[in-house]
Amino acid sequence: MDDYDPNKVYFRCNTCDFLFMEDPERFPVMCPQCGSENVSRS
């Protein structure tokens, strides 16, 4: 994984339950594992 980026927060995919970090300013936030946009901030 990349170095820790303070601008990124954790999201969890509601489709495949994958936990990942993404910049919340980026739209849409998509799951890197399954491509779903059905994610929630965790």
PDB file of N, CA and C in Angstrom:
ATOM      1  N   MET A   1       0.843  -1.187   0.000  1.00  0.00           N
ATOM      2  CA  MET A   1       0.000   0.000   0.000  1.00  0.00           C
ATOM      3  C   MET A   1       0.888   1.250   0.000  1.00  0.00           C
ATOM      4  N   ASP A   2       0.362   2.349  -0.475  1.00  0.00           N
ATOM      5  CA  ASP A   2       1.122   3.597  -0.535  1.00  0.00           C
ATOM      6  C   ASP A   2       1.428   4.103   0.865  1.00  0.00           C
ATOM      7  N   ASP A   3       2.267   5.127   0.929  1.00  0.00           N
ATOM      8  CA  ASP A   3       2.496   5.794   2.209  1.00  0.00           C
ATOM      9  C   ASP A   3       1.177   6.373   2.688  1.00  0.00           C
ATOM     10  N   TYR A   4       1.068   6.574   3.991  1.00  0.00           N
ATOM     11  CA  TYR A   4      -0.178   7.108   4.546  1.00  0.00           C
ATOM     12  C   TYR A   4      -0.428   8.514   4.024  1.00  0.00           C
ATOM     13  N   ASP A   5      -1.601   8.744   3.496  1.00  0.00           N
ATOM     14  CA  ASP A   5      -1.988  10.052   2.975  1.00  0.00           C
ATOM     15  C   ASP A   5      -3.074  10.608   3.888  1.00  0.00           C
ATOM     16  N   PRO A   6      -2.812  11.735   4.574  1.00  0.00           N
ATOM     17  CA  PRO A   6      -3.803  12.266   5.509  1.00  0.00           C
ATOM     18  C   PRO A   6      -5.089  12.741   4.835  1.00  0.00           C
ATOM     19  N   ASN A   7      -5.073  12.904   3.506  1.00  0.00           N
ATOM     20  CA  ASN A   7      -6.274  13.331   2.787  1.00  0.00           C
ATOM     21  C   ASN A   7      -7.204  12.159   2.485  1.00  0.00           C
ATOM     22  N   LYS A   8      -6.750  10.947   2.761  1.00  0.00           N
ATOM     23  CA  LYS A   8      -7.567   9.779   2.447  1.00  0.00           C
ATOM     24  C   LYS A   8      -8.244   9.253   3.700  1.00  0.00           C
ATOM     25  N   VAL A   9      -9.432   8.714   3.509  1.00  0.00           N
ATOM     26  CA  VAL A   9     -10.175   8.118   4.614  1.00  0.00           C
ATOM     27  C   VAL A   9     -10.577   6.706   4.203  1.00  0.00           C
ATOM     28  N   TYR A  10     -10.979   5.923   5.184  1.00  0.00           N
ATOM     29  CA  TYR A  10     -11.385   4.548   4.901  1.00  0.00           C
ATOM     30  C   TYR A  10     -12.829   4.491   4.422  1.00  0.00           C
ATOM     31  N   PHE A  11     -13.034   3.670   3.411  1.00  0.00           N
ATOM     32  CA  PHE A  11     -14.365   3.372   2.905  1.00  0.00           C
ATOM     33  C   PHE A  11     -14.537   1.867   2.899  1.00  0.00           C
ATOM     34  N   ARG A  12     -15.774   1.418   3.062  1.00  0.00           N
ATOM     35  CA  ARG A  12     -16.087  -0.008   2.955  1.00  0.00           C
ATOM     36  C   ARG A  12     -17.113  -0.169   1.849  1.00  0.00           C
ATOM     37  N   CYS A  13     -16.847  -1.133   0.983  1.00  0.00           N
ATOM     38  CA  CYS A  13     -17.778  -1.423  -0.105  1.00  0.00           C
ATOM     39  C   CYS A  13     -18.964  -2.193   0.452  1.00  0.00           C
ATOM     40  N   ASN A  14     -20.172  -1.715   0.150  1.00  0.00           N
ATOM     41  CA  ASN A  14     -21.384  -2.396   0.619  1.00  0.00           C
ATOM     42  C   ASN A  14     -21.729  -3.604  -0.240  1.00  0.00           C
ATOM     43  N   THR A  15     -21.045  -3.755  -1.377  1.00  0.00           N
ATOM     44  CA  THR A  15     -21.319  -4.881  -2.267  1.00  0.00           C
ATOM     45  C   THR A  15     -20.437  -6.085  -1.930  1.00  0.00           C
ATOM     46  N   CYS A  16     -19.106  -5.850  -1.841  1.00  0.00           N
ATOM     47  CA  CYS A  16     -18.208  -6.989  -1.602  1.00  0.00           C
ATOM     48  C   CYS A  16     -17.505  -6.919  -0.245  1.00  0.00           C
ATOM     49  N   ASP A  17     -17.809  -5.887   0.562  1.00  0.00           N
ATOM     50  CA  ASP A  17     -17.280  -5.751   1.918  1.00  0.00           C
ATOM     51  C   ASP A  17     -15.773  -5.493   1.955  1.00  0.00           C
ATOM     52  N   PHE A  18     -15.217  -4.959   0.879  1.00  0.00           N
ATOM     53  CA  PHE A  18     -13.790  -4.655   0.817  1.00  0.00           C
ATOM     54  C   PHE A  18     -13.522  -3.318   1.492  1.00  0.00           C
ATOM     55  N   LEU A  19     -12.468  -3.242   2.309  1.00  0.00           N
ATOM     56  CA  LEU A  19     -12.097  -2.011   3.003  1.00  0.00           C
ATOM     57  C   LEU A  19     -10.923  -1.382   2.262  1.00  0.00           C
ATOM     58  N   PHE A  20     -11.048  -0.099   1.936  1.00  0.00           N
ATOM     59  CA  PHE A  20      -9.990   0.568   1.176  1.00  0.00           C
ATOM     60  C   PHE A  20      -9.907   2.035   1.549  1.00  0.00           C
ATOM     61  N   MET A  21      -8.799   2.669   1.190  1.00  0.00           N
ATOM     62  CA  MET A  21      -8.622   4.091   1.454  1.00  0.00           C
ATOM     63  C   MET A  21      -8.783   4.865   0.161  1.00  0.00           C
ATOM     64  N   GLU A  22      -9.467   5.990   0.244  1.00  0.00           N
ATOM     65  CA  GLU A  22      -9.663   6.836  -0.934  1.00  0.00           C
ATOM     66  C   GLU A  22      -9.820   8.276  -0.483  1.00  0.00           C
ATOM     67  N   ASP A  23      -9.525   9.197  -1.375  1.00  0.00           N
ATOM     68  CA  ASP A  23      -9.709  10.614  -1.112  1.00  0.00           C
ATOM     69  C   ASP A  23     -11.201  10.928  -1.224  1.00  0.00           C
ATOM     70  N   PRO A  24     -11.833  11.425  -0.144  1.00  0.00           N
ATOM     71  CA  PRO A  24     -13.285  11.669  -0.191  1.00  0.00           C
ATOM     72  C   PRO A  24     -13.673  12.795  -1.140  1.00  0.00           C
ATOM     73  N   GLU A  25     -12.704  13.591  -1.593  1.00  0.00           N
ATOM     74  CA  GLU A  25     -12.995  14.654  -2.566  1.00  0.00           C
ATOM     75  C   GLU A  25     -13.197  14.084  -3.961  1.00  0.00           C
ATOM     76  N   ARG A  26     -12.769  12.866  -4.172  1.00  0.00           N
ATOM     77  CA  ARG A  26     -12.862  12.254  -5.493  1.00  0.00           C
ATOM     78  C   ARG A  26     -14.258  11.661  -5.690  1.00  0.00           C
ATOM     79  N   PHE A  27     -14.904  12.030  -6.768  1.00  0.00           N
ATOM     80  CA  PHE A  27     -16.242  11.500  -7.058  1.00  0.00           C
ATOM     81  C   PHE A  27     -16.257  10.879  -8.436  1.00  0.00           C
ATOM     82  N   PRO A  28     -16.887   9.755  -8.639  1.00  0.00           N
ATOM     83  CA  PRO A  28     -17.450   8.956  -7.544  1.00  0.00           C
ATOM     84  C   PRO A  28     -16.361   8.128  -6.879  1.00  0.00           C
ATOM     85  N   VAL A  29     -16.537   7.826  -5.609  1.00  0.00           N
ATOM     86  CA  VAL A  29     -15.630   6.895  -4.933  1.00  0.00           C
ATOM     87  C   VAL A  29     -16.084   5.502  -5.326  1.00  0.00           C
ATOM     88  N   MET A  30     -15.158   4.738  -5.906  1.00  0.00           N
ATOM     89  CA  MET A  30     -15.492   3.394  -6.379  1.00  0.00           C
ATOM     90  C   MET A  30     -14.603   2.361  -5.712  1.00  0.00           C
ATOM     91  N   CYS A  31     -15.161   1.207  -5.461  1.00  0.00           N
ATOM     92  CA  CYS A  31     -14.409   0.102  -4.871  1.00  0.00           C
ATOM     93  C   CYS A  31     -13.379  -0.399  -5.876  1.00  0.00           C
ATOM     94  N   PRO A  32     -12.098  -0.469  -5.478  1.00  0.00           N
ATOM     95  CA  PRO A  32     -11.073  -0.954  -6.405  1.00  0.00           C
ATOM     96  C   PRO A  32     -11.157  -2.451  -6.658  1.00  0.00           C
ATOM     97  N   GLN A  33     -11.912  -3.160  -5.827  1.00  0.00           N
ATOM     98  CA  GLN A  33     -12.002  -4.615  -5.992  1.00  0.00           C
ATOM     99  C   GLN A  33     -13.117  -5.017  -6.959  1.00  0.00           C
ATOM    100  N   CYS A  34     -14.309  -4.440  -6.776  1.00  0.00           N
ATOM    101  CA  CYS A  34     -15.428  -4.865  -7.630  1.00  0.00           C
ATOM    102  C   CYS A  34     -15.978  -3.749  -8.511  1.00  0.00           C
ATOM    103  N   GLY A  35     -15.526  -2.502  -8.287  1.00  0.00           N
ATOM    104  CA  GLY A  35     -15.962  -1.400  -9.147  1.00  0.00           C
ATOM    105  C   GLY A  35     -17.289  -0.780  -8.746  1.00  0.00           C
ATOM    106  N   SER A  36     -17.853  -1.201  -7.622  1.00  0.00           N
ATOM    107  CA  SER A  36     -19.132  -0.671  -7.193  1.00  0.00           C
ATOM    108  C   SER A  36     -18.991   0.746  -6.628  1.00  0.00           C
ATOM    109  N   GLU A  37     -20.008   1.565  -6.835  1.00  0.00           N
ATOM    110  CA  GLU A  37     -20.039   2.892  -6.226  1.00  0.00           C
ATOM    111  C   GLU A  37     -20.832   2.864  -4.929  1.00  0.00           C
ATOM    112  N   ASN A  38     -21.319   1.706  -4.532  1.00  0.00           N
ATOM    113  CA  ASN A  38     -22.104   1.546  -3.308  1.00  0.00           C
ATOM    114  C   ASN A  38     -21.151   1.374  -2.131  1.00  0.00           C
ATOM    115  N   VAL A  39     -20.524   2.499  -1.711  1.00  0.00           N
ATOM    116  CA  VAL A  39     -19.550   2.454  -0.628  1.00  0.00           C
ATOM    117  C   VAL A  39     -19.986   3.377   0.498  1.00  0.00           C
ATOM    118  N   SER A  40     -19.527   3.093   1.696  1.00  0.00           N
ATOM    119  CA  SER A  40     -19.813   3.967   2.828  1.00  0.00           C
ATOM    120  C   SER A  40     -18.528   4.257   3.570  1.00  0.00           C
ATOM    121  N   ARG A  41     -18.463   5.444   4.131  1.00  0.00           N
ATOM    122  CA  ARG A  41     -17.289   5.866   4.873  1.00  0.00           C
ATOM    123  C   ARG A  41     -17.248   5.065   6.176  1.00  0.00           C
ATOM    124  N   SER A  42     -16.045   4.626   6.556  1.00  0.00           N
ATOM    125  CA  SER A  42     -15.986   3.843   7.793  1.00  0.00           C
ATOM    126  C   SER A  42     -14.936   4.405   8.728  1.00  0.00           C
TER     127      SER A  42
END
